[in-house]
Protein backbone atom coordinates (compact mmCIF):
# COMPACT_ATOMS: atom_id res chain seq x y z
CA MET A 1 -21.45 -117.95 -122.37
CA THR A 2 -24.98 -118.89 -121.40
CA ASP A 3 -28.28 -117.01 -121.30
CA LEU A 4 -29.42 -118.22 -117.88
CA VAL A 5 -27.68 -119.74 -114.87
CA THR A 6 -29.63 -121.46 -112.13
CA PHE A 7 -28.77 -123.92 -109.38
CA GLY A 8 -30.34 -125.93 -106.58
CA GLU A 9 -31.41 -129.40 -105.55
CA THR A 10 -32.98 -131.78 -108.04
CA MET A 11 -34.36 -135.03 -106.67
CA ALA A 12 -35.34 -138.41 -108.00
CA LEU A 13 -39.13 -138.53 -108.23
CA PHE A 14 -41.27 -141.61 -107.68
CA ALA A 15 -44.88 -141.01 -108.77
CA ALA A 16 -47.47 -143.57 -107.77
CA ARG A 17 -49.66 -144.81 -110.59
CA ARG A 18 -52.54 -145.82 -108.31
CA THR A 19 -54.93 -143.31 -106.72
CA GLY A 20 -55.29 -143.72 -102.96
CA PRO A 21 -53.06 -143.85 -99.86
CA LEU A 22 -49.38 -144.28 -100.69
CA ARG A 23 -49.16 -147.41 -98.56
CA PHE A 24 -51.26 -149.21 -101.14
CA ALA A 25 -49.19 -148.08 -104.13
CA ARG A 26 -47.42 -150.89 -105.94
CA ASP A 27 -46.24 -149.27 -109.19
CA PHE A 28 -44.30 -146.02 -109.56
CA ASP A 29 -42.98 -143.98 -112.46
CA LEU A 30 -39.39 -142.83 -111.96
CA GLY A 31 -38.41 -139.32 -112.97
CA LEU A 32 -36.93 -136.20 -111.47
CA GLY A 33 -38.09 -132.90 -110.05
CA GLY A 34 -36.63 -129.70 -108.68
CA ALA A 35 -37.72 -126.07 -108.87
CA GLU A 36 -34.58 -124.74 -110.53
CA SER A 37 -34.13 -127.64 -112.96
CA ASN A 38 -37.80 -127.28 -113.94
CA VAL A 39 -37.09 -123.65 -114.83
CA ALA A 40 -33.93 -124.67 -116.68
CA ILE A 41 -35.82 -127.14 -118.86
CA GLY A 42 -38.63 -124.65 -119.47
CA VAL A 43 -36.28 -121.89 -120.63
CA SER A 44 -34.28 -124.33 -122.75
CA ARG A 45 -37.40 -125.58 -124.52
CA LEU A 46 -38.28 -121.99 -125.34
CA GLY A 47 -35.04 -121.51 -127.20
CA HIS A 48 -32.29 -120.34 -124.84
CA ASP A 49 -28.99 -121.62 -123.53
CA VAL A 50 -29.26 -122.61 -119.88
CA THR A 51 -26.76 -123.86 -117.32
CA TRP A 52 -27.88 -125.70 -114.18
CA VAL A 53 -25.52 -126.44 -111.28
CA GLY A 54 -26.22 -128.82 -108.42
CA ARG A 55 -24.90 -131.58 -106.22
CA VAL A 56 -26.21 -135.10 -106.78
CA GLY A 57 -25.39 -138.40 -105.17
CA ASP A 58 -22.76 -140.59 -106.78
CA ASP A 59 -25.56 -143.02 -107.56
CA GLU A 60 -28.02 -144.06 -110.24
CA PHE A 61 -30.42 -141.25 -109.37
CA GLY A 62 -27.65 -138.70 -109.82
CA GLU A 63 -26.90 -140.18 -113.22
CA LEU A 64 -30.60 -139.99 -114.10
CA ILE A 65 -30.72 -136.29 -113.24
CA ALA A 66 -27.60 -135.40 -115.22
CA SER A 67 -28.58 -137.40 -118.31
CA THR A 68 -32.17 -136.15 -118.36
CA LEU A 69 -31.17 -132.51 -118.12
CA ARG A 70 -28.58 -132.91 -120.85
CA ALA A 71 -31.16 -134.58 -123.06
CA GLU A 72 -33.25 -131.42 -122.63
CA ARG A 73 -30.30 -129.35 -123.93
CA VAL A 74 -29.44 -127.99 -120.49
CA ASP A 75 -25.75 -127.63 -119.64
CA ALA A 76 -26.04 -129.76 -116.50
CA ARG A 77 -23.10 -129.30 -114.17
CA ALA A 78 -24.03 -132.09 -111.80
CA ILE A 79 -21.41 -132.47 -109.06
CA PRO A 80 -21.25 -136.08 -107.80
CA ASP A 81 -21.05 -136.25 -104.01
CA PRO A 82 -19.63 -139.58 -102.81
CA ASP A 83 -20.65 -138.91 -99.22
CA ALA A 84 -24.38 -138.14 -99.59
CA PRO A 85 -27.28 -139.59 -101.59
CA THR A 86 -29.51 -137.94 -104.15
CA GLY A 87 -32.67 -136.68 -102.46
CA LEU A 88 -36.02 -138.33 -103.11
CA MET A 89 -39.50 -137.00 -103.77
CA ILE A 90 -42.50 -139.32 -103.53
CA LYS A 91 -45.71 -138.19 -105.19
CA GLY A 92 -49.04 -139.88 -104.63
CA ARG A 93 -52.60 -139.07 -105.62
CA ARG A 94 -54.72 -139.40 -102.48
CA THR A 95 -57.87 -138.62 -104.47
CA ALA A 96 -58.46 -137.65 -108.08
CA ASP A 97 -58.07 -134.00 -107.06
CA LEU A 98 -55.51 -134.16 -104.23
CA ILE A 99 -51.77 -134.60 -104.79
CA ASP A 100 -49.73 -135.92 -101.86
CA VAL A 101 -46.02 -134.97 -102.12
CA ARG A 102 -43.39 -136.10 -99.61
CA TYR A 103 -39.70 -135.16 -99.58
CA TYR A 104 -36.72 -137.14 -98.29
CA ARG A 105 -33.89 -134.66 -98.61
CA LYS A 106 -32.31 -134.30 -95.14
CA ASP A 107 -28.50 -134.51 -95.49
CA SER A 108 -28.88 -135.15 -99.20
CA ALA A 109 -26.18 -134.28 -101.73
CA GLY A 110 -28.24 -131.32 -102.93
CA SER A 111 -28.42 -129.84 -99.45
CA ARG A 112 -24.59 -129.78 -99.33
CA LEU A 113 -24.31 -127.17 -102.09
CA SER A 114 -21.80 -124.47 -101.13
CA PRO A 115 -20.28 -121.27 -102.58
CA ALA A 116 -17.27 -123.29 -103.77
CA ASP A 117 -19.58 -125.16 -106.19
CA LEU A 118 -20.44 -121.97 -108.10
CA ASP A 119 -18.17 -120.34 -110.65
CA PRO A 120 -18.45 -116.53 -110.45
CA ALA A 121 -17.16 -116.26 -114.04
CA LEU A 122 -20.03 -118.46 -115.24
CA ILE A 123 -22.54 -116.20 -113.52
CA ALA A 124 -20.84 -113.01 -114.73
CA GLY A 125 -20.99 -114.27 -118.32
CA ALA A 126 -24.73 -114.98 -118.21
CA ARG A 127 -27.58 -112.62 -119.01
CA ALA A 128 -29.68 -113.73 -116.03
CA LEU A 129 -29.37 -115.63 -112.76
CA HIS A 130 -32.42 -117.42 -111.39
CA VAL A 131 -32.61 -118.57 -107.77
CA SER A 132 -35.30 -120.06 -105.60
CA ALA A 133 -35.93 -119.50 -101.90
CA ILE A 134 -36.07 -123.27 -101.53
CA THR A 135 -32.28 -123.52 -101.75
CA PRO A 136 -31.37 -121.26 -98.80
CA ALA A 137 -33.75 -123.26 -96.62
CA LEU A 138 -31.81 -126.50 -97.17
CA SER A 139 -28.67 -125.73 -95.16
CA PRO A 140 -26.35 -122.91 -94.07
CA SER A 141 -23.92 -123.75 -96.89
CA ALA A 142 -26.70 -123.67 -99.49
CA ARG A 143 -27.86 -120.34 -98.09
CA ALA A 144 -24.33 -118.98 -98.43
CA ALA A 145 -24.22 -120.25 -102.02
CA VAL A 146 -27.32 -118.24 -102.94
CA ARG A 147 -25.85 -115.08 -101.40
CA HIS A 148 -22.57 -115.72 -103.21
CA ALA A 149 -24.35 -116.11 -106.55
CA ILE A 150 -26.47 -112.98 -106.09
CA ASP A 151 -23.38 -110.95 -105.19
CA ALA A 152 -21.53 -112.22 -108.28
CA ALA A 153 -24.49 -111.36 -110.51
CA ARG A 154 -24.90 -107.87 -109.04
CA ALA A 155 -21.19 -107.13 -109.47
CA ALA A 156 -21.42 -108.10 -113.16
CA GLY A 157 -24.71 -106.34 -113.91
CA VAL A 158 -26.54 -109.64 -114.50
CA LEU A 159 -30.31 -109.71 -114.01
CA VAL A 160 -31.26 -111.50 -110.77
CA SER A 161 -34.54 -113.43 -110.66
CA LEU A 162 -36.02 -114.89 -107.46
CA ASP A 163 -38.95 -117.26 -107.05
CA VAL A 164 -40.18 -117.15 -103.44
CA ASN A 165 -41.37 -120.77 -103.56
CA TYR A 166 -42.07 -120.93 -99.81
CA ARG A 167 -41.99 -124.45 -98.35
CA LYS A 168 -43.26 -124.67 -94.77
CA ALA A 169 -41.63 -128.09 -94.33
CA LEU A 170 -38.21 -126.47 -94.73
CA TRP A 171 -38.47 -123.34 -92.58
CA THR A 172 -40.92 -121.13 -90.72
CA ARG A 173 -42.59 -118.07 -92.18
CA GLU A 174 -40.47 -115.93 -89.86
CA GLU A 175 -37.22 -117.54 -91.02
CA ALA A 176 -38.18 -117.32 -94.67
CA GLY A 177 -39.39 -113.73 -94.35
CA ALA A 178 -36.17 -112.60 -92.66
CA TRP A 179 -33.99 -114.13 -95.36
CA LEU A 180 -36.16 -112.83 -98.20
CA ARG A 181 -36.09 -109.30 -96.80
CA SER A 182 -32.30 -109.51 -96.57
CA VAL A 183 -31.91 -110.14 -100.32
CA ILE A 184 -34.90 -108.48 -101.97
CA ALA A 185 -33.05 -105.19 -102.54
CA ASP A 186 -30.56 -107.09 -104.75
CA VAL A 187 -33.25 -108.74 -106.88
CA ASP A 188 -34.53 -107.45 -110.25
CA VAL A 189 -37.42 -109.89 -110.74
CA VAL A 190 -39.52 -111.62 -108.09
CA PHE A 191 -42.16 -114.30 -108.61
CA ALA A 192 -44.63 -114.89 -105.78
CA THR A 193 -48.16 -115.78 -104.85
CA GLU A 194 -50.04 -113.18 -102.81
CA ASP A 195 -49.40 -115.13 -99.63
CA GLU A 196 -45.70 -115.45 -100.42
CA ALA A 197 -45.47 -111.72 -101.11
CA ARG A 198 -46.80 -111.04 -97.60
CA LEU A 199 -43.67 -112.73 -96.22
CA ILE A 200 -41.65 -109.79 -97.53
CA ALA A 201 -43.84 -106.74 -98.08
CA ASP A 202 -44.53 -104.10 -95.47
CA THR A 203 -47.80 -102.51 -96.53
CA ASP A 204 -50.90 -101.12 -94.84
CA ASP A 205 -53.08 -102.94 -97.37
CA PRO A 206 -51.79 -106.52 -97.75
CA ASP A 207 -55.04 -107.60 -99.44
CA ASP A 208 -54.53 -105.18 -102.35
CA PRO A 209 -52.35 -106.95 -104.96
CA VAL A 210 -51.09 -103.69 -106.47
CA ALA A 211 -50.11 -102.26 -103.08
CA LEU A 212 -48.50 -105.59 -102.24
CA ALA A 213 -46.49 -105.61 -105.46
CA LYS A 214 -45.34 -102.02 -105.01
CA ALA A 215 -44.19 -102.77 -101.47
CA LEU A 216 -41.92 -105.58 -102.63
CA GLY A 217 -39.49 -103.29 -104.41
CA PRO A 218 -37.92 -105.07 -107.43
CA ARG A 219 -38.26 -103.59 -110.90
CA HIS A 220 -40.37 -106.53 -112.08
CA VAL A 221 -42.90 -108.08 -109.67
CA LEU A 222 -44.96 -111.05 -110.86
CA LEU A 223 -47.90 -112.10 -108.70
CA LYS A 224 -49.58 -115.43 -109.43
CA PHE A 225 -53.28 -115.83 -108.63
CA GLY A 226 -53.75 -119.45 -109.75
CA ALA A 227 -57.09 -119.89 -111.49
CA ARG A 228 -57.53 -116.07 -111.44
CA GLY A 229 -54.54 -115.43 -113.69
CA ALA A 230 -51.54 -113.25 -112.90
CA MET A 231 -50.31 -109.68 -112.59
CA GLU A 232 -47.07 -107.92 -113.44
CA LEU A 233 -45.86 -104.63 -112.02
CA SER A 234 -42.97 -103.34 -114.11
CA ASP A 235 -41.67 -99.76 -114.21
CA ASP A 236 -44.79 -98.57 -112.35
CA GLN A 237 -47.16 -100.09 -114.92
CA VAL A 238 -49.61 -102.80 -113.90
CA ARG A 239 -50.67 -105.54 -116.31
CA HIS A 240 -53.18 -108.31 -115.65
CA ALA A 241 -53.45 -111.64 -117.46
CA GLU A 242 -56.50 -113.85 -117.62
CA PRO A 243 -55.94 -117.57 -117.04
CA TYR A 244 -55.87 -120.17 -119.78
CA LYS A 245 -58.61 -122.78 -119.62
CA VAL A 246 -57.12 -126.27 -119.33
CA THR A 247 -57.93 -129.50 -117.53
CA GLU A 248 -55.62 -129.79 -114.53
CA VAL A 249 -53.97 -133.16 -114.04
CA ASP A 250 -51.00 -132.33 -111.78
CA PRO A 251 -50.43 -128.81 -110.37
CA VAL A 252 -46.85 -129.40 -109.22
CA GLY A 253 -44.38 -127.32 -111.24
CA ALA A 254 -46.84 -124.71 -112.50
CA GLY A 255 -45.04 -121.86 -110.74
CA ASP A 256 -41.68 -122.98 -112.14
CA ALA A 257 -43.18 -123.08 -115.63
CA PHE A 258 -44.60 -119.56 -115.17
CA ALA A 259 -41.14 -118.27 -114.23
CA ALA A 260 -39.55 -120.09 -117.16
CA GLY A 261 -42.02 -118.58 -119.62
CA TRP A 262 -41.43 -115.06 -118.36
CA LEU A 263 -37.64 -115.40 -118.28
CA ALA A 264 -37.51 -116.93 -121.76
CA ASP A 265 -39.44 -114.02 -123.21
CA TRP A 266 -37.36 -111.48 -121.29
CA LEU A 267 -34.28 -113.08 -122.80
CA ALA A 268 -35.93 -112.90 -126.22
CA GLY A 269 -36.62 -109.18 -125.81
CA ALA A 270 -40.40 -109.60 -125.87
CA ASP A 271 -42.66 -106.77 -124.75
CA PRO A 272 -44.25 -106.93 -121.26
CA ASP A 273 -47.65 -108.08 -122.53
CA ARG A 274 -46.10 -110.93 -124.44
CA ARG A 275 -43.93 -111.96 -121.48
CA LEU A 276 -46.95 -112.24 -119.24
CA ARG A 277 -48.97 -114.19 -121.82
CA THR A 278 -46.12 -116.65 -122.31
CA ALA A 279 -45.68 -117.07 -118.55
CA CYS A 280 -49.38 -117.88 -118.12
CA ALA A 281 -49.40 -120.23 -121.11
CA ALA A 282 -46.34 -122.12 -119.81
CA GLY A 283 -47.94 -122.44 -116.38
CA ALA A 284 -51.13 -123.77 -117.97
CA PHE A 285 -49.26 -126.34 -120.03
CA ALA A 286 -47.39 -127.56 -116.94
CA VAL A 287 -50.54 -128.79 -115.18
CA THR A 288 -51.94 -130.74 -118.11
CA SER A 289 -50.10 -134.01 -117.44
CA GLN A 290 -48.36 -135.84 -114.63
CA GLY A 291 -44.79 -134.85 -113.89
CA ASP A 292 -43.09 -131.65 -112.78
CA TRP A 293 -41.74 -130.60 -116.19
CA GLU A 294 -42.76 -133.05 -118.91
CA SER A 295 -45.54 -130.83 -120.30
CA LEU A 296 -43.47 -127.65 -120.49
CA PRO A 297 -44.09 -126.07 -123.90
CA ARG A 298 -41.87 -125.34 -126.85
CA ARG A 299 -42.36 -122.17 -128.91
CA ALA A 300 -44.59 -123.93 -131.41
CA ASP A 301 -46.93 -124.99 -128.60
CA LEU A 302 -47.67 -121.55 -127.20
CA ASP A 303 -50.41 -120.62 -129.66
CA LEU A 304 -52.34 -123.83 -129.00
CA LEU A 305 -53.99 -122.32 -125.91
CA ARG A 306 -56.42 -119.44 -125.73
CA PRO A 307 -57.09 -117.36 -122.59
CA THR A 308 -60.56 -117.30 -121.06
CA SER A 309 -61.13 -113.68 -122.17
CA GLU A 310 -59.09 -111.00 -123.89
CA GLY A 311 -55.72 -112.10 -122.52
CA VAL A 312 -53.70 -109.24 -121.07
CA SER A 313 -55.21 -105.93 -120.07
CA ARG A 314 -53.53 -102.85 -118.67
């Protein structure tokens, strides 16, 4: 039994220590990054049992991913693939305020994920399944794996959570929109920016966040506005959250942290206001240091931040 199941590609991450063009970088920090594993770590740190599934290369980077996730108390079911390498992510800082991220994941082990890698019984025994729209963009087999997982969750009455996480380097807006519209009816929770929501929603007023959220369809719709906070539409009630004031160091992973905070509080049975506050706090913590997940908070950390105004308003 596990509280949350998630799966996808996690890559080795090389982060340049020097600001400027990557060609002048000489020193790198080695870590890992991946949307779903970021969520897994975030939910685990907030007190829940999490299982992550993914293919990794039968190499040192694959070992790094598996050992790091297990050290974060995630049940990491890393499947070694002897025929493909672990994908790579290279992160540079072109200027003090501009992050340059490059991916080397074509034909990687993670892109070879397939339905056979997922255990329907594991999904059926969980309380929630979290997927990202990054995974179906990686390959036809990965796309089939996401559909397989959603079907298994629906059949078992397991909550299905989807983060749109649109990546233009992986597929076009038209391709992403078509796939998202094909699965949105089977989703209970969706996380999106306003622009990502427009990939799915059919509304006469795409600039109205409430109309946009209502057009999406799931029971819980979370819209992220960056420095303007966030909004949740749940059971026809709209809640807004003010942002937390922090100094941004690295914005990568903030959306994953937001999803992790919300899911952790849903698993804990928290009320909607609390869920949204925790999601915003987790997202704020995520940007306060370099790395995709290193700054994700634990429960004791959540009260260290204060929102810029009253917090959550209806």
